Amino acid sequence: MIDLTSIIIIIIVIAVICLFIKFIVSPVIRIALGIIIFLIFIYFLQQFFGFDINKILAPFGIFINFNKFASSFNWLLTPINHFLDQLKNFWDFIWHNVPKS
């Protein structure tokens, strides 16, 4: 049978685990996701708008090789680029057929 001290210990352990997840794991996940989203955003800016972050960072002596980043994820980025190209072509086709006043 479970006594009162066992119930209190279980509640304390659950509270400690919840606090650990809330204050330590959650910020680490947010930081990691923020970095990944930033890198993906820069990649898309380079692919579709010709943005070059190296021209902005060159006066500070910083060079970032995003081609190395992109080449290691080609298995993922190639299908995404194909899908985005199809989406862009479809959008251009629809926008071309919209009556303009």
C-alpha atoms as a PDB file:
ATOM      1  CA  MET A   1       0.000   0.000   0.000  1.00  0.00           C
ATOM      2  CA  ILE A   2       1.182   3.529  -0.752  1.00  0.00           C
ATOM      3  CA  ASP A   3       1.653   5.737   2.255  1.00  0.00           C
ATOM      4  CA  LEU A   4       1.674   9.517   2.534  1.00  0.00           C
ATOM      5  CA  THR A   5       5.466   9.920   2.257  1.00  0.00           C
ATOM      6  CA  SER A   6       5.543   7.981  -1.042  1.00  0.00           C
ATOM      7  CA  ILE A   7       2.842  10.214  -2.487  1.00  0.00           C
ATOM      8  CA  ILE A   8       4.733  13.348  -1.403  1.00  0.00           C
ATOM      9  CA  ILE A   9       7.970  12.042  -2.942  1.00  0.00           C
ATOM     10  CA  ILE A  10       6.183  11.225  -6.222  1.00  0.00           C
ATOM     11  CA  ILE A  11       4.677  14.728  -6.344  1.00  0.00           C
ATOM     12  CA  ILE A  12       8.074  16.330  -5.635  1.00  0.00           C
ATOM     13  CA  VAL A  13       9.775  14.244  -8.344  1.00  0.00           C
ATOM     14  CA  ILE A  14       7.092  15.181 -10.875  1.00  0.00           C
ATOM     15  CA  ALA A  15       7.446  18.869  -9.935  1.00  0.00           C
ATOM     16  CA  VAL A  16      11.238  18.733 -10.294  1.00  0.00           C
ATOM     17  CA  ILE A  17      10.948  17.055 -13.708  1.00  0.00           C
ATOM     18  CA  CYS A  18       8.414  19.663 -14.845  1.00  0.00           C
ATOM     19  CA  LEU A  19      10.643  22.512 -13.669  1.00  0.00           C
ATOM     20  CA  PHE A  20      13.662  20.917 -15.378  1.00  0.00           C
ATOM     21  CA  ILE A  21      11.762  20.673 -18.664  1.00  0.00           C
ATOM     22  CA  LYS A  22      10.347  24.188 -18.341  1.00  0.00           C
ATOM     23  CA  PHE A  23      13.512  26.068 -17.387  1.00  0.00           C
ATOM     24  CA  ILE A  24      16.342  24.057 -18.972  1.00  0.00           C
ATOM     25  CA  VAL A  25      15.124  21.921 -21.868  1.00  0.00           C
ATOM     26  CA  SER A  26      12.634  24.369 -23.342  1.00  0.00           C
ATOM     27  CA  PRO A  27      15.097  27.276 -23.805  1.00  0.00           C
ATOM     28  CA  VAL A  28      17.686  24.934 -25.325  1.00  0.00           C
ATOM     29  CA  ILE A  29      15.130  23.668 -27.823  1.00  0.00           C
ATOM     30  CA  ARG A  30      14.061  27.240 -28.609  1.00  0.00           C
ATOM     31  CA  ILE A  31      17.665  28.300 -29.193  1.00  0.00           C
ATOM     32  CA  ALA A  32      18.357  25.317 -31.454  1.00  0.00           C
ATOM     33  CA  LEU A  33      15.151  25.870 -33.438  1.00  0.00           C
ATOM     34  CA  GLY A  34      15.925  29.581 -33.725  1.00  0.00           C
ATOM     35  CA  ILE A  35      19.353  28.872 -35.190  1.00  0.00           C
ATOM     36  CA  ILE A  36      17.950  26.310 -37.625  1.00  0.00           C
ATOM     37  CA  ILE A  37      15.160  28.655 -38.735  1.00  0.00           C
ATOM     38  CA  PHE A  38      17.679  31.487 -39.202  1.00  0.00           C
ATOM     39  CA  LEU A  39      19.923  29.299 -41.382  1.00  0.00           C
ATOM     40  CA  ILE A  40      16.959  28.126 -43.474  1.00  0.00           C
ATOM     41  CA  PHE A  41      15.772  31.730 -43.858  1.00  0.00           C
ATOM     42  CA  ILE A  42      19.223  32.831 -45.074  1.00  0.00           C
ATOM     43  CA  TYR A  43      19.338  29.863 -47.468  1.00  0.00           C
ATOM     44  CA  PHE A  44      15.978  30.793 -49.006  1.00  0.00           C
ATOM     45  CA  LEU A  45      17.029  34.431 -49.304  1.00  0.00           C
ATOM     46  CA  GLN A  46      20.123  33.319 -51.206  1.00  0.00           C
ATOM     47  CA  GLN A  47      18.229  30.918 -53.453  1.00  0.00           C
ATOM     48  CA  PHE A  48      15.315  33.114 -54.478  1.00  0.00           C
ATOM     49  CA  PHE A  49      16.423  36.714 -54.015  1.00  0.00           C
ATOM     50  CA  GLY A  50      20.166  36.532 -54.662  1.00  0.00           C
ATOM     51  CA  PHE A  51      20.929  37.760 -51.157  1.00  0.00           C
ATOM     52  CA  ASP A  52      24.594  37.376 -50.200  1.00  0.00           C
ATOM     53  CA  ILE A  53      25.303  37.659 -46.497  1.00  0.00           C
ATOM     54  CA  ASN A  54      29.049  37.617 -47.184  1.00  0.00           C
ATOM     55  CA  LYS A  55      28.813  41.067 -48.822  1.00  0.00           C
ATOM     56  CA  ILE A  56      27.281  42.408 -45.635  1.00  0.00           C
ATOM     57  CA  LEU A  57      29.747  40.694 -43.285  1.00  0.00           C
ATOM     58  CA  ALA A  58      32.890  41.236 -45.436  1.00  0.00           C
ATOM     59  CA  PRO A  59      33.792  44.626 -43.869  1.00  0.00           C
ATOM     60  CA  PHE A  60      33.994  42.838 -40.515  1.00  0.00           C
ATOM     61  CA  GLY A  61      36.252  40.077 -41.888  1.00  0.00           C
ATOM     62  CA  ILE A  62      33.594  37.378 -41.539  1.00  0.00           C
ATOM     63  CA  PHE A  63      32.987  34.795 -44.274  1.00  0.00           C
ATOM     64  CA  ILE A  64      30.235  32.210 -43.991  1.00  0.00           C
ATOM     65  CA  ASN A  65      30.184  29.351 -46.482  1.00  0.00           C
ATOM     66  CA  PHE A  66      26.507  28.478 -46.862  1.00  0.00           C
ATOM     67  CA  ASN A  67      27.280  26.302 -49.881  1.00  0.00           C
ATOM     68  CA  LYS A  68      28.922  23.847 -47.493  1.00  0.00           C
ATOM     69  CA  PHE A  69      25.805  23.937 -45.321  1.00  0.00           C
ATOM     70  CA  ALA A  70      23.558  23.447 -48.339  1.00  0.00           C
ATOM     71  CA  SER A  71      25.609  20.624 -49.844  1.00  0.00           C
ATOM     72  CA  SER A  72      25.349  18.544 -46.682  1.00  0.00           C
ATOM     73  CA  PHE A  73      21.550  18.775 -46.817  1.00  0.00           C
ATOM     74  CA  ASN A  74      21.046  18.229 -50.557  1.00  0.00           C
ATOM     75  CA  TRP A  75      18.944  15.137 -49.912  1.00  0.00           C
ATOM     76  CA  LEU A  76      16.428  17.404 -48.184  1.00  0.00           C
ATOM     77  CA  LEU A  77      16.862  20.697 -50.018  1.00  0.00           C
ATOM     78  CA  THR A  78      16.561  19.337 -53.581  1.00  0.00           C
ATOM     79  CA  PRO A  79      12.934  18.145 -53.174  1.00  0.00           C
ATOM     80  CA  ILE A  80      12.065  21.332 -51.289  1.00  0.00           C
ATOM     81  CA  ASN A  81      13.552  23.489 -54.067  1.00  0.00           C
ATOM     82  CA  HIS A  82      11.619  21.482 -56.676  1.00  0.00           C
ATOM     83  CA  PHE A  83       8.370  21.910 -54.749  1.00  0.00           C
ATOM     84  CA  LEU A  84       8.970  25.654 -54.277  1.00  0.00           C
ATOM     85  CA  ASP A  85       9.741  26.077 -57.983  1.00  0.00           C
ATOM     86  CA  GLN A  86       6.489  24.328 -58.862  1.00  0.00           C
ATOM     87  CA  LEU A  87       4.624  26.516 -56.383  1.00  0.00           C
ATOM     88  CA  LYS A  88       6.222  29.649 -57.849  1.00  0.00           C
ATOM     89  CA  ASN A  89       5.347  28.596 -61.415  1.00  0.00           C
ATOM     90  CA  PHE A  90       1.775  27.850 -60.371  1.00  0.00           C
ATOM     91  CA  TRP A  91       1.518  31.238 -58.641  1.00  0.00           C
ATOM     92  CA  ASP A  92       2.889  33.018 -61.723  1.00  0.00           C
ATOM     93  CA  PHE A  93       0.391  31.163 -63.921  1.00  0.00           C
ATOM     94  CA  ILE A  94      -2.538  32.081 -61.674  1.00  0.00           C
ATOM     95  CA  TRP A  95      -1.382  35.685 -61.245  1.00  0.00           C
ATOM     96  CA  HIS A  96      -0.978  36.034 -65.017  1.00  0.00           C
ATOM     97  CA  ASN A  97      -4.606  34.943 -65.537  1.00  0.00           C
ATOM     98  CA  VAL A  98      -6.066  37.315 -62.942  1.00  0.00           C
ATOM     99  CA  PRO A  99      -7.916  40.131 -64.706  1.00  0.00           C
ATOM    100  CA  LYS A 100      -6.234  43.452 -64.134  1.00  0.00           C
ATOM    101  CA  SER A 101      -8.192  46.674 -64.143  1.00  0.00           C
END
